[in-house]
């Protein structure tokens, strides 16, 4: 039987809330897809603004949200800041999502057996 620690759930819930909010915007989600597709290895504010048809301040805000959610890392090179995936944090996000969905699927399978 799966036991869930309430402190662990609270921490997990806060992390997942931040992650899902960051990915809950179409522009940020499309950017993540483009980076994941290999279409580009890194992105800067200017690239994102041009690609998405956004102003540079709007693109900057989107990238900041993805960085705050630890989806992206930022590295300054010359006059630009380039963003790439934060592999360590993404692994942690995946583990948290797997845990959440594992709990849900366990509950679903128990519900089917109880019918």
PDB file of N, CA and C in Angstrom:
ATOM      1  N   UNK A   1       0.844  -1.182   0.000  1.00  0.00           N
ATOM      2  CA  UNK A   1       0.000   0.000   0.000  1.00  0.00           C
ATOM      3  C   UNK A   1       0.889   1.245   0.000  1.00  0.00           C
ATOM      4  N   UNK A   2       0.531   2.199  -0.802  1.00  0.00           N
ATOM      5  CA  UNK A   2       1.294   3.427  -0.931  1.00  0.00           C
ATOM      6  C   UNK A   2       0.942   4.381   0.200  1.00  0.00           C
ATOM      7  N   UNK A   3       1.955   4.817   0.925  1.00  0.00           N
ATOM      8  CA  UNK A   3       1.767   5.792   1.994  1.00  0.00           C
ATOM      9  C   UNK A   3       2.332   7.119   1.539  1.00  0.00           C
ATOM     10  N   UNK A   4       1.554   8.161   1.691  1.00  0.00           N
ATOM     11  CA  UNK A   4       1.978   9.485   1.260  1.00  0.00           C
ATOM     12  C   UNK A   4       2.121  10.368   2.486  1.00  0.00           C
ATOM     13  N   UNK A   5       3.311  10.904   2.687  1.00  0.00           N
ATOM     14  CA  UNK A   5       3.619  11.802   3.781  1.00  0.00           C
ATOM     15  C   UNK A   5       3.008  13.167   3.466  1.00  0.00           C
ATOM     16  N   UNK A   6       2.252  13.748   4.405  1.00  0.00           N
ATOM     17  CA  UNK A   6       1.572  15.019   4.127  1.00  0.00           C
ATOM     18  C   UNK A   6       2.563  16.159   3.875  1.00  0.00           C
ATOM     19  N   UNK A   7       3.720  16.168   4.562  1.00  0.00           N
ATOM     20  CA  UNK A   7       4.735  17.189   4.290  1.00  0.00           C
ATOM     21  C   UNK A   7       5.284  17.033   2.879  1.00  0.00           C
ATOM     22  N   UNK A   8       5.504  15.783   2.493  1.00  0.00           N
ATOM     23  CA  UNK A   8       5.998  15.494   1.149  1.00  0.00           C
ATOM     24  C   UNK A   8       4.972  15.959   0.111  1.00  0.00           C
ATOM     25  N   UNK A   9       3.703  15.717   0.360  1.00  0.00           N
ATOM     26  CA  UNK A   9       2.648  16.126  -0.575  1.00  0.00           C
ATOM     27  C   UNK A   9       2.563  17.639  -0.684  1.00  0.00           C
ATOM     28  N   UNK A  10       2.742  18.323   0.411  1.00  0.00           N
ATOM     29  CA  UNK A  10       2.691  19.780   0.388  1.00  0.00           C
ATOM     30  C   UNK A  10       3.834  20.344  -0.451  1.00  0.00           C
ATOM     31  N   UNK A  11       5.046  19.845  -0.223  1.00  0.00           N
ATOM     32  CA  UNK A  11       6.203  20.289  -1.010  1.00  0.00           C
ATOM     33  C   UNK A  11       6.019  19.946  -2.478  1.00  0.00           C
ATOM     34  N   UNK A  12       5.587  18.730  -2.730  1.00  0.00           N
ATOM     35  CA  UNK A  12       5.355  18.270  -4.098  1.00  0.00           C
ATOM     36  C   UNK A  12       4.286  19.117  -4.781  1.00  0.00           C
ATOM     37  N   UNK A  13       3.228  19.428  -4.073  1.00  0.00           N
ATOM     38  CA  UNK A  13       2.140  20.227  -4.635  1.00  0.00           C
ATOM     39  C   UNK A  13       2.609  21.615  -5.026  1.00  0.00           C
ATOM     40  N   UNK A  14       3.434  22.226  -4.196  1.00  0.00           N
ATOM     41  CA  UNK A  14       3.951  23.564  -4.516  1.00  0.00           C
ATOM     42  C   UNK A  14       4.851  23.522  -5.755  1.00  0.00           C
ATOM     43  N   UNK A  15       5.699  22.498  -5.822  1.00  0.00           N
ATOM     44  CA  UNK A  15       6.588  22.364  -6.979  1.00  0.00           C
ATOM     45  C   UNK A  15       5.796  22.131  -8.254  1.00  0.00           C
ATOM     46  N   UNK A  16       4.802  21.236  -8.184  1.00  0.00           N
ATOM     47  CA  UNK A  16       4.003  20.937  -9.372  1.00  0.00           C
ATOM     48  C   UNK A  16       3.137  22.120  -9.780  1.00  0.00           C
ATOM     49  N   UNK A  17       2.649  22.884  -8.814  1.00  0.00           N
ATOM     50  CA  UNK A  17       1.859  24.073  -9.135  1.00  0.00           C
ATOM     51  C   UNK A  17       2.701  25.045  -9.956  1.00  0.00           C
ATOM     52  N   UNK A  18       3.920  25.290  -9.527  1.00  0.00           N
ATOM     53  CA  UNK A  18       4.809  26.204 -10.245  1.00  0.00           C
ATOM     54  C   UNK A  18       5.117  25.666 -11.646  1.00  0.00           C
ATOM     55  N   UNK A  19       5.374  24.369 -11.733  1.00  0.00           N
ATOM     56  CA  UNK A  19       5.673  23.747 -13.019  1.00  0.00           C
ATOM     57  C   UNK A  19       4.487  23.846 -13.969  1.00  0.00           C
ATOM     58  N   UNK A  20       3.297  23.467 -13.486  1.00  0.00           N
ATOM     59  CA  UNK A  20       2.115  23.466 -14.351  1.00  0.00           C
ATOM     60  C   UNK A  20       1.714  24.884 -14.757  1.00  0.00           C
ATOM     61  N   UNK A  21       1.900  25.844 -13.871  1.00  0.00           N
ATOM     62  CA  UNK A  21       1.631  27.242 -14.231  1.00  0.00           C
ATOM     63  C   UNK A  21       2.580  27.688 -15.343  1.00  0.00           C
ATOM     64  N   UNK A  22       3.841  27.325 -15.214  1.00  0.00           N
ATOM     65  CA  UNK A  22       4.827  27.714 -16.226  1.00  0.00           C
ATOM     66  C   UNK A  22       4.495  27.091 -17.579  1.00  0.00           C
ATOM     67  N   UNK A  23       4.032  25.861 -17.576  1.00  0.00           N
ATOM     68  CA  UNK A  23       3.713  25.171 -18.825  1.00  0.00           C
ATOM     69  C   UNK A  23       2.275  25.419 -19.274  1.00  0.00           C
ATOM     70  N   UNK A  24       1.520  26.153 -18.483  1.00  0.00           N
ATOM     71  CA  UNK A  24       0.110  26.403 -18.779  1.00  0.00           C
ATOM     72  C   UNK A  24      -0.132  27.549 -19.741  1.00  0.00           C
ATOM     73  N   UNK A  25       0.908  28.084 -20.320  1.00  0.00           N
ATOM     74  CA  UNK A  25       0.788  29.167 -21.294  1.00  0.00           C
ATOM     75  C   UNK A  25       1.240  28.641 -22.649  1.00  0.00           C
ATOM     76  N   UNK A  26       0.462  28.890 -23.686  1.00  0.00           N
ATOM     77  CA  UNK A  26       0.752  28.324 -25.008  1.00  0.00           C
ATOM     78  C   UNK A  26       2.110  28.766 -25.549  1.00  0.00           C
ATOM     79  N   UNK A  27       2.490  30.021 -25.333  1.00  0.00           N
ATOM     80  CA  UNK A  27       3.785  30.482 -25.842  1.00  0.00           C
ATOM     81  C   UNK A  27       4.941  29.747 -25.171  1.00  0.00           C
ATOM     82  N   UNK A  28       4.853  29.576 -23.861  1.00  0.00           N
ATOM     83  CA  UNK A  28       5.927  28.870 -23.145  1.00  0.00           C
ATOM     84  C   UNK A  28       5.944  27.393 -23.529  1.00  0.00           C
ATOM     85  N   UNK A  29       4.775  26.807 -23.670  1.00  0.00           N
ATOM     86  CA  UNK A  29       4.703  25.399 -24.043  1.00  0.00           C
ATOM     87  C   UNK A  29       5.258  25.176 -25.450  1.00  0.00           C
ATOM     88  N   UNK A  30       4.922  26.060 -26.384  1.00  0.00           N
ATOM     89  CA  UNK A  30       5.450  25.946 -27.745  1.00  0.00           C
ATOM     90  C   UNK A  30       6.965  26.121 -27.769  1.00  0.00           C
ATOM     91  N   UNK A  31       7.482  27.024 -26.960  1.00  0.00           N
ATOM     92  CA  UNK A  31       8.926  27.203 -26.886  1.00  0.00           C
ATOM     93  C   UNK A  31       9.596  25.934 -26.371  1.00  0.00           C
ATOM     94  N   UNK A  32       9.034  25.341 -25.335  1.00  0.00           N
ATOM     95  CA  UNK A  32       9.589  24.098 -24.785  1.00  0.00           C
ATOM     96  C   UNK A  32       9.570  23.006 -25.851  1.00  0.00           C
ATOM     97  N   UNK A  33       8.472  22.894 -26.601  1.00  0.00           N
ATOM     98  CA  UNK A  33       8.403  21.909 -27.685  1.00  0.00           C
ATOM     99  C   UNK A  33       9.488  22.165 -28.723  1.00  0.00           C
ATOM    100  N   UNK A  34       9.683  23.427 -29.092  1.00  0.00           N
ATOM    101  CA  UNK A  34      10.709  23.744 -30.108  1.00  0.00           C
ATOM    102  C   UNK A  34      12.099  23.390 -29.613  1.00  0.00           C
ATOM    103  N   UNK A  35      12.384  23.705 -28.372  1.00  0.00           N
ATOM    104  CA  UNK A  35      13.688  23.338 -27.817  1.00  0.00           C
ATOM    105  C   UNK A  35      13.836  21.819 -27.749  1.00  0.00           C
ATOM    106  N   UNK A  36      12.772  21.129 -27.361  1.00  0.00           N
ATOM    107  CA  UNK A  36      12.822  19.674 -27.228  1.00  0.00           C
ATOM    108  C   UNK A  36      12.949  18.981 -28.580  1.00  0.00           C
ATOM    109  N   UNK A  37      12.418  19.588 -29.632  1.00  0.00           N
ATOM    110  CA  UNK A  37      12.442  18.975 -30.957  1.00  0.00           C
ATOM    111  C   UNK A  37      13.831  18.960 -31.569  1.00  0.00           C
ATOM    112  N   UNK A  38      14.741  19.730 -30.999  1.00  0.00           N
ATOM    113  CA  UNK A  38      16.075  19.835 -31.568  1.00  0.00           C
ATOM    114  C   UNK A  38      16.151  20.902 -32.643  1.00  0.00           C
ATOM    115  N   UNK A  39      15.026  21.565 -32.879  1.00  0.00           N
ATOM    116  CA  UNK A  39      14.977  22.648 -33.861  1.00  0.00           C
ATOM    117  C   UNK A  39      15.982  23.738 -33.489  1.00  0.00           C
ATOM    118  N   UNK A  40      16.196  23.905 -32.208  1.00  0.00           N
ATOM    119  CA  UNK A  40      17.167  24.864 -31.695  1.00  0.00           C
ATOM    120  C   UNK A  40      17.745  24.297 -30.406  1.00  0.00           C
ATOM    121  N   UNK A  41      18.988  24.639 -30.113  1.00  0.00           N
ATOM    122  CA  UNK A  41      19.664  24.133 -28.911  1.00  0.00           C
ATOM    123  C   UNK A  41      19.509  25.070 -27.728  1.00  0.00           C
ATOM    124  N   UNK A  42      19.355  26.353 -28.043  1.00  0.00           N
ATOM    125  CA  UNK A  42      19.226  27.369 -27.006  1.00  0.00           C
ATOM    126  C   UNK A  42      18.420  28.518 -27.594  1.00  0.00           C
ATOM    127  N   UNK A  43      17.952  29.386 -26.718  1.00  0.00           N
ATOM    128  CA  UNK A  43      17.139  30.511 -27.184  1.00  0.00           C
ATOM    129  C   UNK A  43      17.489  31.744 -26.364  1.00  0.00           C
ATOM    130  N   UNK A  44      17.434  32.885 -27.000  1.00  0.00           N
ATOM    131  CA  UNK A  44      17.591  34.153 -26.294  1.00  0.00           C
ATOM    132  C   UNK A  44      16.289  34.933 -26.468  1.00  0.00           C
ATOM    133  N   UNK A  45      16.160  36.036 -25.769  1.00  0.00           N
ATOM    134  CA  UNK A  45      14.931  36.834 -25.802  1.00  0.00           C
ATOM    135  C   UNK A  45      14.586  37.237 -27.234  1.00  0.00           C
ATOM    136  N   UNK A  46      15.580  37.705 -27.971  1.00  0.00           N
ATOM    137  CA  UNK A  46      15.340  38.158 -29.346  1.00  0.00           C
ATOM    138  C   UNK A  46      14.817  37.013 -30.214  1.00  0.00           C
ATOM    139  N   UNK A  47      15.421  35.825 -30.090  1.00  0.00           N
ATOM    140  CA  UNK A  47      14.977  34.653 -30.861  1.00  0.00           C
ATOM    141  C   UNK A  47      13.525  34.322 -30.546  1.00  0.00           C
ATOM    142  N   UNK A  48      13.200  34.293 -29.243  1.00  0.00           N
ATOM    143  CA  UNK A  48      11.842  33.942 -28.853  1.00  0.00           C
ATOM    144  C   UNK A  48      10.849  34.983 -29.342  1.00  0.00           C
ATOM    145  N   UNK A  49      11.186  36.252 -29.208  1.00  0.00           N
ATOM    146  CA  UNK A  49      10.293  37.316 -29.650  1.00  0.00           C
ATOM    147  C   UNK A  49      10.014  37.191 -31.141  1.00  0.00           C
ATOM    148  N   UNK A  50      11.052  36.982 -31.940  1.00  0.00           N
ATOM    149  CA  UNK A  50      10.884  36.837 -33.384  1.00  0.00           C
ATOM    150  C   UNK A  50      10.076  35.595 -33.738  1.00  0.00           C
ATOM    151  N   UNK A  51      10.402  34.487 -33.099  1.00  0.00           N
ATOM    152  CA  UNK A  51       9.760  33.210 -33.374  1.00  0.00           C
ATOM    153  C   UNK A  51       8.266  33.228 -33.046  1.00  0.00           C
ATOM    154  N   UNK A  52       7.912  33.855 -31.928  1.00  0.00           N
ATOM    155  CA  UNK A  52       6.542  33.821 -31.429  1.00  0.00           C
ATOM    156  C   UNK A  52       5.738  35.066 -31.791  1.00  0.00           C
ATOM    157  N   UNK A  53       6.393  36.047 -32.403  1.00  0.00           N
ATOM    158  CA  UNK A  53       5.691  37.287 -32.720  1.00  0.00           C
ATOM    159  C   UNK A  53       5.338  38.079 -31.473  1.00  0.00           C
ATOM    160  N   UNK A  54       6.245  38.067 -30.506  1.00  0.00           N
ATOM    161  CA  UNK A  54       6.038  38.761 -29.235  1.00  0.00           C
ATOM    162  C   UNK A  54       6.962  39.972 -29.151  1.00  0.00           C
ATOM    163  N   UNK A  55       6.638  40.866 -28.254  1.00  0.00           N
ATOM    164  CA  UNK A  55       7.574  41.946 -27.945  1.00  0.00           C
ATOM    165  C   UNK A  55       8.719  41.345 -27.135  1.00  0.00           C
ATOM    166  N   UNK A  56       9.853  42.014 -27.121  1.00  0.00           N
ATOM    167  CA  UNK A  56      10.976  41.507 -26.328  1.00  0.00           C
ATOM    168  C   UNK A  56      10.658  41.477 -24.830  1.00  0.00           C
ATOM    169  N   UNK A  57       9.954  42.501 -24.289  1.00  0.00           N
ATOM    170  CA  UNK A  57       9.604  42.400 -22.862  1.00  0.00           C
ATOM    171  C   UNK A  57       8.702  41.193 -22.558  1.00  0.00           C
ATOM    172  N   UNK A  58       7.768  40.890 -23.449  1.00  0.00           N
ATOM    173  CA  UNK A  58       6.884  39.730 -23.231  1.00  0.00           C
ATOM    174  C   UNK A  58       7.689  38.434 -23.299  1.00  0.00           C
ATOM    175  N   UNK A  59       8.571  38.322 -24.303  1.00  0.00           N
ATOM    176  CA  UNK A  59       9.417  37.132 -24.426  1.00  0.00           C
ATOM    177  C   UNK A  59      10.306  36.987 -23.195  1.00  0.00           C
ATOM    178  N   UNK A  60      10.853  38.085 -22.719  1.00  0.00           N
ATOM    179  CA  UNK A  60      11.704  38.068 -21.531  1.00  0.00           C
ATOM    180  C   UNK A  60      10.932  37.555 -20.314  1.00  0.00           C
ATOM    181  N   UNK A  61       9.709  37.983 -20.175  1.00  0.00           N
ATOM    182  CA  UNK A  61       8.870  37.546 -19.048  1.00  0.00           C
ATOM    183  C   UNK A  61       8.596  36.043 -19.125  1.00  0.00           C
ATOM    184  N   UNK A  62       8.290  35.547 -20.327  1.00  0.00           N
ATOM    185  CA  UNK A  62       8.048  34.107 -20.499  1.00  0.00           C
ATOM    186  C   UNK A  62       9.295  33.298 -20.132  1.00  0.00           C
ATOM    187  N   UNK A  63      10.448  33.741 -20.593  1.00  0.00           N
ATOM    188  CA  UNK A  63      11.691  33.033 -20.290  1.00  0.00           C
ATOM    189  C   UNK A  63      11.997  33.082 -18.793  1.00  0.00           C
ATOM    190  N   UNK A  64      11.703  34.196 -18.164  1.00  0.00           N
ATOM    191  CA  UNK A  64      11.915  34.318 -16.717  1.00  0.00           C
ATOM    192  C   UNK A  64      11.042  33.313 -15.959  1.00  0.00           C
ATOM    193  N   UNK A  65       9.804  33.147 -16.379  1.00  0.00           N
ATOM    194  CA  UNK A  65       8.893  32.197 -15.726  1.00  0.00           C
ATOM    195  C   UNK A  65       9.416  30.771 -15.885  1.00  0.00           C
ATOM    196  N   UNK A  66       9.887  30.425 -17.079  1.00  0.00           N
ATOM    197  CA  UNK A  66      10.442  29.086 -17.306  1.00  0.00           C
ATOM    198  C   UNK A  66      11.718  28.871 -16.496  1.00  0.00           C
ATOM    199  N   UNK A  67      12.492  29.923 -16.317  1.00  0.00           N
ATOM    200  CA  UNK A  67      13.702  29.823 -15.493  1.00  0.00           C
ATOM    201  C   UNK A  67      13.331  29.675 -14.013  1.00  0.00           C
ATOM    202  N   UNK A  68      12.350  30.441 -13.559  1.00  0.00           N
ATOM    203  CA  UNK A  68      11.918  30.366 -12.164  1.00  0.00           C
ATOM    204  C   UNK A  68      11.371  28.974 -11.834  1.00  0.00           C
ATOM    205  N   UNK A  69      10.694  28.367 -12.797  1.00  0.00           N
ATOM    206  CA  UNK A  69      10.164  27.005 -12.605  1.00  0.00           C
ATOM    207  C   UNK A  69      11.253  25.949 -12.797  1.00  0.00           C
ATOM    208  N   UNK A  70      12.468  26.406 -13.020  1.00  0.00           N
ATOM    209  CA  UNK A  70      13.632  25.543 -13.194  1.00  0.00           C
ATOM    210  C   UNK A  70      13.513  24.617 -14.409  1.00  0.00           C
ATOM    211  N   UNK A  71      12.815  25.072 -15.413  1.00  0.00           N
ATOM    212  CA  UNK A  71      12.754  24.329 -16.665  1.00  0.00           C
ATOM    213  C   UNK A  71      13.961  24.702 -17.522  1.00  0.00           C
ATOM    214  N   UNK A  72      14.349  25.975 -17.441  1.00  0.00           N
ATOM    215  CA  UNK A  72      15.474  26.477 -18.219  1.00  0.00           C
ATOM    216  C   UNK A  72      16.569  27.027 -17.310  1.00  0.00           C
ATOM    217  N   UNK A  73      17.794  26.951 -17.799  1.00  0.00           N
ATOM    218  CA  UNK A  73      18.953  27.619 -17.203  1.00  0.00           C
ATOM    219  C   UNK A  73      19.282  28.827 -18.063  1.00  0.00           C
ATOM    220  N   UNK A  74      19.896  29.823 -17.479  1.00  0.00           N
ATOM    221  CA  UNK A  74      20.306  31.014 -18.222  1.00  0.00           C
ATOM    222  C   UNK A  74      21.820  31.153 -18.137  1.00  0.00           C
ATOM    223  N   UNK A  75      22.407  31.525 -19.281  1.00  0.00           N
ATOM    224  CA  UNK A  75      23.854  31.746 -19.315  1.00  0.00           C
ATOM    225  C   UNK A  75      24.131  32.955 -20.198  1.00  0.00           C
ATOM    226  N   UNK A  76      24.825  33.917 -19.636  1.00  0.00           N
ATOM    227  CA  UNK A  76      25.144  35.145 -20.366  1.00  0.00           C
ATOM    228  C   UNK A  76      26.346  34.898 -21.266  1.00  0.00           C
ATOM    229  N   UNK A  77      26.196  35.286 -22.537  1.00  0.00           N
ATOM    230  CA  UNK A  77      27.294  35.236 -23.499  1.00  0.00           C
ATOM    231  C   UNK A  77      27.271  36.537 -24.289  1.00  0.00           C
ATOM    232  N   UNK A  78      28.271  37.341 -24.085  1.00  0.00           N
ATOM    233  CA  UNK A  78      28.299  38.643 -24.748  1.00  0.00           C
ATOM    234  C   UNK A  78      27.157  39.509 -24.255  1.00  0.00           C
ATOM    235  N   UNK A  79      26.386  40.045 -25.192  1.00  0.00           N
ATOM    236  CA  UNK A  79      25.257  40.907 -24.847  1.00  0.00           C
ATOM    237  C   UNK A  79      23.947  40.150 -24.663  1.00  0.00           C
ATOM    238  N   UNK A  80      23.981  38.840 -24.843  1.00  0.00           N
ATOM    239  CA  UNK A  80      22.750  38.047 -24.774  1.00  0.00           C
ATOM    240  C   UNK A  80      22.774  37.063 -23.610  1.00  0.00           C
ATOM    241  N   UNK A  81      21.593  36.726 -23.151  1.00  0.00           N
ATOM    242  CA  UNK A  81      21.432  35.634 -22.193  1.00  0.00           C
ATOM    243  C   UNK A  81      20.764  34.504 -22.957  1.00  0.00           C
ATOM    244  N   UNK A  82      21.400  33.347 -22.964  1.00  0.00           N
ATOM    245  CA  UNK A  82      20.865  32.186 -23.665  1.00  0.00           C
ATOM    246  C   UNK A  82      20.278  31.202 -22.659  1.00  0.00           C
ATOM    247  N   UNK A  83      19.159  30.624 -23.040  1.00  0.00           N
ATOM    248  CA  UNK A  83      18.428  29.697 -22.184  1.00  0.00           C
ATOM    249  C   UNK A  83      18.489  28.304 -22.782  1.00  0.00           C
ATOM    250  N   UNK A  84      18.777  27.330 -21.921  1.00  0.00           N
ATOM    251  CA  UNK A  84      18.809  25.918 -22.296  1.00  0.00           C
ATOM    252  C   UNK A  84      18.068  25.132 -21.221  1.00  0.00           C
ATOM    253  N   UNK A  85      17.776  23.868 -21.515  1.00  0.00           N
ATOM    254  CA  UNK A  85      17.084  23.039 -20.539  1.00  0.00           C
ATOM    255  C   UNK A  85      17.937  22.807 -19.302  1.00  0.00           C
ATOM    256  N   UNK A  86      17.281  22.770 -18.149  1.00  0.00           N
ATOM    257  CA  UNK A  86      17.906  22.455 -16.864  1.00  0.00           C
ATOM    258  C   UNK A  86      17.660  20.963 -16.636  1.00  0.00           C
ATOM    259  N   UNK A  87      18.584  20.143 -17.096  1.00  0.00           N
ATOM    260  CA  UNK A  87      18.385  18.694 -17.093  1.00  0.00           C
ATOM    261  C   UNK A  87      18.153  18.129 -15.686  1.00  0.00           C
ATOM    262  N   UNK A  88      18.902  18.611 -14.720  1.00  0.00           N
ATOM    263  CA  UNK A  88      18.758  18.114 -13.345  1.00  0.00           C
ATOM    264  C   UNK A  88      17.351  18.389 -12.815  1.00  0.00           C
ATOM    265  N   UNK A  89      16.884  19.616 -12.993  1.00  0.00           N
ATOM    266  CA  UNK A  89      15.551  19.976 -12.511  1.00  0.00           C
ATOM    267  C   UNK A  89      14.467  19.249 -13.300  1.00  0.00           C
ATOM    268  N   UNK A  90      14.672  19.074 -14.604  1.00  0.00           N
ATOM    269  CA  UNK A  90      13.677  18.356 -15.412  1.00  0.00           C
ATOM    270  C   UNK A  90      13.533  16.912 -14.938  1.00  0.00           C
ATOM    271  N   UNK A  91      14.645  16.304 -14.564  1.00  0.00           N
ATOM    272  CA  UNK A  91      14.597  14.938 -14.025  1.00  0.00           C
ATOM    273  C   UNK A  91      13.770  14.915 -12.740  1.00  0.00           C
ATOM    274  N   UNK A  92      13.966  15.905 -11.881  1.00  0.00           N
ATOM    275  CA  UNK A  92      13.201  16.005 -10.642  1.00  0.00           C
ATOM    276  C   UNK A  92      11.708  16.230 -10.929  1.00  0.00           C
ATOM    277  N   UNK A  93      11.422  17.124 -11.890  1.00  0.00           N
ATOM    278  CA  UNK A  93      10.020  17.368 -12.270  1.00  0.00           C
ATOM    279  C   UNK A  93       9.368  16.071 -12.760  1.00  0.00           C
ATOM    280  N   UNK A  94      10.096  15.317 -13.579  1.00  0.00           N
ATOM    281  CA  UNK A  94       9.557  14.053 -14.105  1.00  0.00           C
ATOM    282  C   UNK A  94       9.267  13.075 -12.974  1.00  0.00           C
ATOM    283  N   UNK A  95      10.171  12.979 -12.021  1.00  0.00           N
ATOM    284  CA  UNK A  95       9.960  12.074 -10.880  1.00  0.00           C
ATOM    285  C   UNK A  95       8.720  12.488 -10.086  1.00  0.00           C
ATOM    286  N   UNK A  96       8.531  13.787  -9.899  1.00  0.00           N
ATOM    287  CA  UNK A  96       7.355  14.272  -9.167  1.00  0.00           C
ATOM    288  C   UNK A  96       6.064  13.966  -9.919  1.00  0.00           C
ATOM    289  N   UNK A  97       6.079  14.170 -11.221  1.00  0.00           N
ATOM    290  CA  UNK A  97       4.890  13.877 -12.027  1.00  0.00           C
ATOM    291  C   UNK A  97       4.621  12.373 -12.042  1.00  0.00           C
ATOM    292  N   UNK A  98       5.682  11.578 -12.175  1.00  0.00           N
ATOM    293  CA  UNK A  98       5.524  10.119 -12.139  1.00  0.00           C
ATOM    294  C   UNK A  98       4.931   9.673 -10.808  1.00  0.00           C
ATOM    295  N   UNK A  99       5.382  10.275  -9.708  1.00  0.00           N
ATOM    296  CA  UNK A  99       4.842   9.930  -8.395  1.00  0.00           C
ATOM    297  C   UNK A  99       3.353  10.265  -8.322  1.00  0.00           C
ATOM    298  N   UNK A 100       2.995  11.470  -8.757  1.00  0.00           N
ATOM    299  CA  UNK A 100       1.597  11.893  -8.728  1.00  0.00           C
ATOM    300  C   UNK A 100       0.720  10.954  -9.554  1.00  0.00           C
ATOM    301  N   UNK A 101       1.108  10.703 -10.784  1.00  0.00           N
ATOM    302  CA  UNK A 101       0.299   9.861 -11.651  1.00  0.00           C
ATOM    303  C   UNK A 101       0.324   8.398 -11.200  1.00  0.00           C
ATOM    304  N   UNK A 102       1.422   7.977 -10.581  1.00  0.00           N
ATOM    305  CA  UNK A 102       1.472   6.629 -10.011  1.00  0.00           C
ATOM    306  C   UNK A 102       0.418   6.472  -8.919  1.00  0.00           C
ATOM    307  N   UNK A 103       0.289   7.485  -8.052  1.00  0.00           N
ATOM    308  CA  UNK A 103      -0.741   7.467  -7.007  1.00  0.00           C
ATOM    309  C   UNK A 103      -2.138   7.422  -7.627  1.00  0.00           C
ATOM    310  N   UNK A 104      -2.347   8.233  -8.647  1.00  0.00           N
ATOM    311  CA  UNK A 104      -3.664   8.284  -9.301  1.00  0.00           C
ATOM    312  C   UNK A 104      -4.012   6.955  -9.962  1.00  0.00           C
ATOM    313  N   UNK A 105      -3.050   6.386 -10.668  1.00  0.00           N
ATOM    314  CA  UNK A 105      -3.314   5.123 -11.353  1.00  0.00           C
ATOM    315  C   UNK A 105      -3.512   3.977 -10.368  1.00  0.00           C
ATOM    316  N   UNK A 106      -2.791   4.025  -9.256  1.00  0.00           N
ATOM    317  CA  UNK A 106      -2.995   3.016  -8.214  1.00  0.00           C
ATOM    318  C   UNK A 106      -4.411   3.092  -7.682  1.00  0.00           C
ATOM    319  N   UNK A 107      -4.877   4.283  -7.446  1.00  0.00           N
ATOM    320  CA  UNK A 107      -6.248   4.498  -6.975  1.00  0.00           C
ATOM    321  C   UNK A 107      -7.258   3.988  -8.008  1.00  0.00           C
ATOM    322  N   UNK A 108      -7.000   4.261  -9.290  1.00  0.00           N
ATOM    323  CA  UNK A 108      -7.897   3.795 -10.346  1.00  0.00           C
ATOM    324  C   UNK A 108      -7.950   2.263 -10.385  1.00  0.00           C
ATOM    325  N   UNK A 109      -6.802   1.611 -10.264  1.00  0.00           N
ATOM    326  CA  UNK A 109      -6.795   0.149 -10.327  1.00  0.00           C
ATOM    327  C   UNK A 109      -7.482  -0.451  -9.110  1.00  0.00           C
ATOM    328  N   UNK A 110      -7.365   0.183  -7.947  1.00  0.00           N
ATOM    329  CA  UNK A 110      -8.066  -0.290  -6.741  1.00  0.00           C
ATOM    330  C   UNK A 110      -9.565  -0.111  -6.897  1.00  0.00           C
ATOM    331  N   UNK A 111      -9.976   0.993  -7.539  1.00  0.00           N
ATOM    332  CA  UNK A 111     -11.405   1.241  -7.751  1.00  0.00           C
ATOM    333  C   UNK A 111     -12.009   0.208  -8.672  1.00  0.00           C
ATOM    334  N   UNK A 112     -11.269  -0.223  -9.691  1.00  0.00           N
ATOM    335  CA  UNK A 112     -11.770  -1.233 -10.630  1.00  0.00           C
ATOM    336  C   UNK A 112     -11.924  -2.581  -9.936  1.00  0.00           C
ATOM    337  N   UNK A 113     -10.982  -2.907  -9.042  1.00  0.00           N
ATOM    338  CA  UNK A 113     -11.035  -4.192  -8.337  1.00  0.00           C
ATOM    339  C   UNK A 113     -12.193  -4.219  -7.348  1.00  0.00           C
ATOM    340  N   UNK A 114     -12.586  -3.067  -6.822  1.00  0.00           N
ATOM    341  CA  UNK A 114     -13.655  -2.991  -5.840  1.00  0.00           C
ATOM    342  C   UNK A 114     -15.051  -3.046  -6.433  1.00  0.00           C
ATOM    343  N   UNK A 115     -15.139  -3.039  -7.737  1.00  0.00           N
ATOM    344  CA  UNK A 115     -16.465  -3.060  -8.394  1.00  0.00           C
ATOM    345  C   UNK A 115     -17.109  -4.410  -8.358  1.00  0.00           C
TER     346      UNK A 115
END
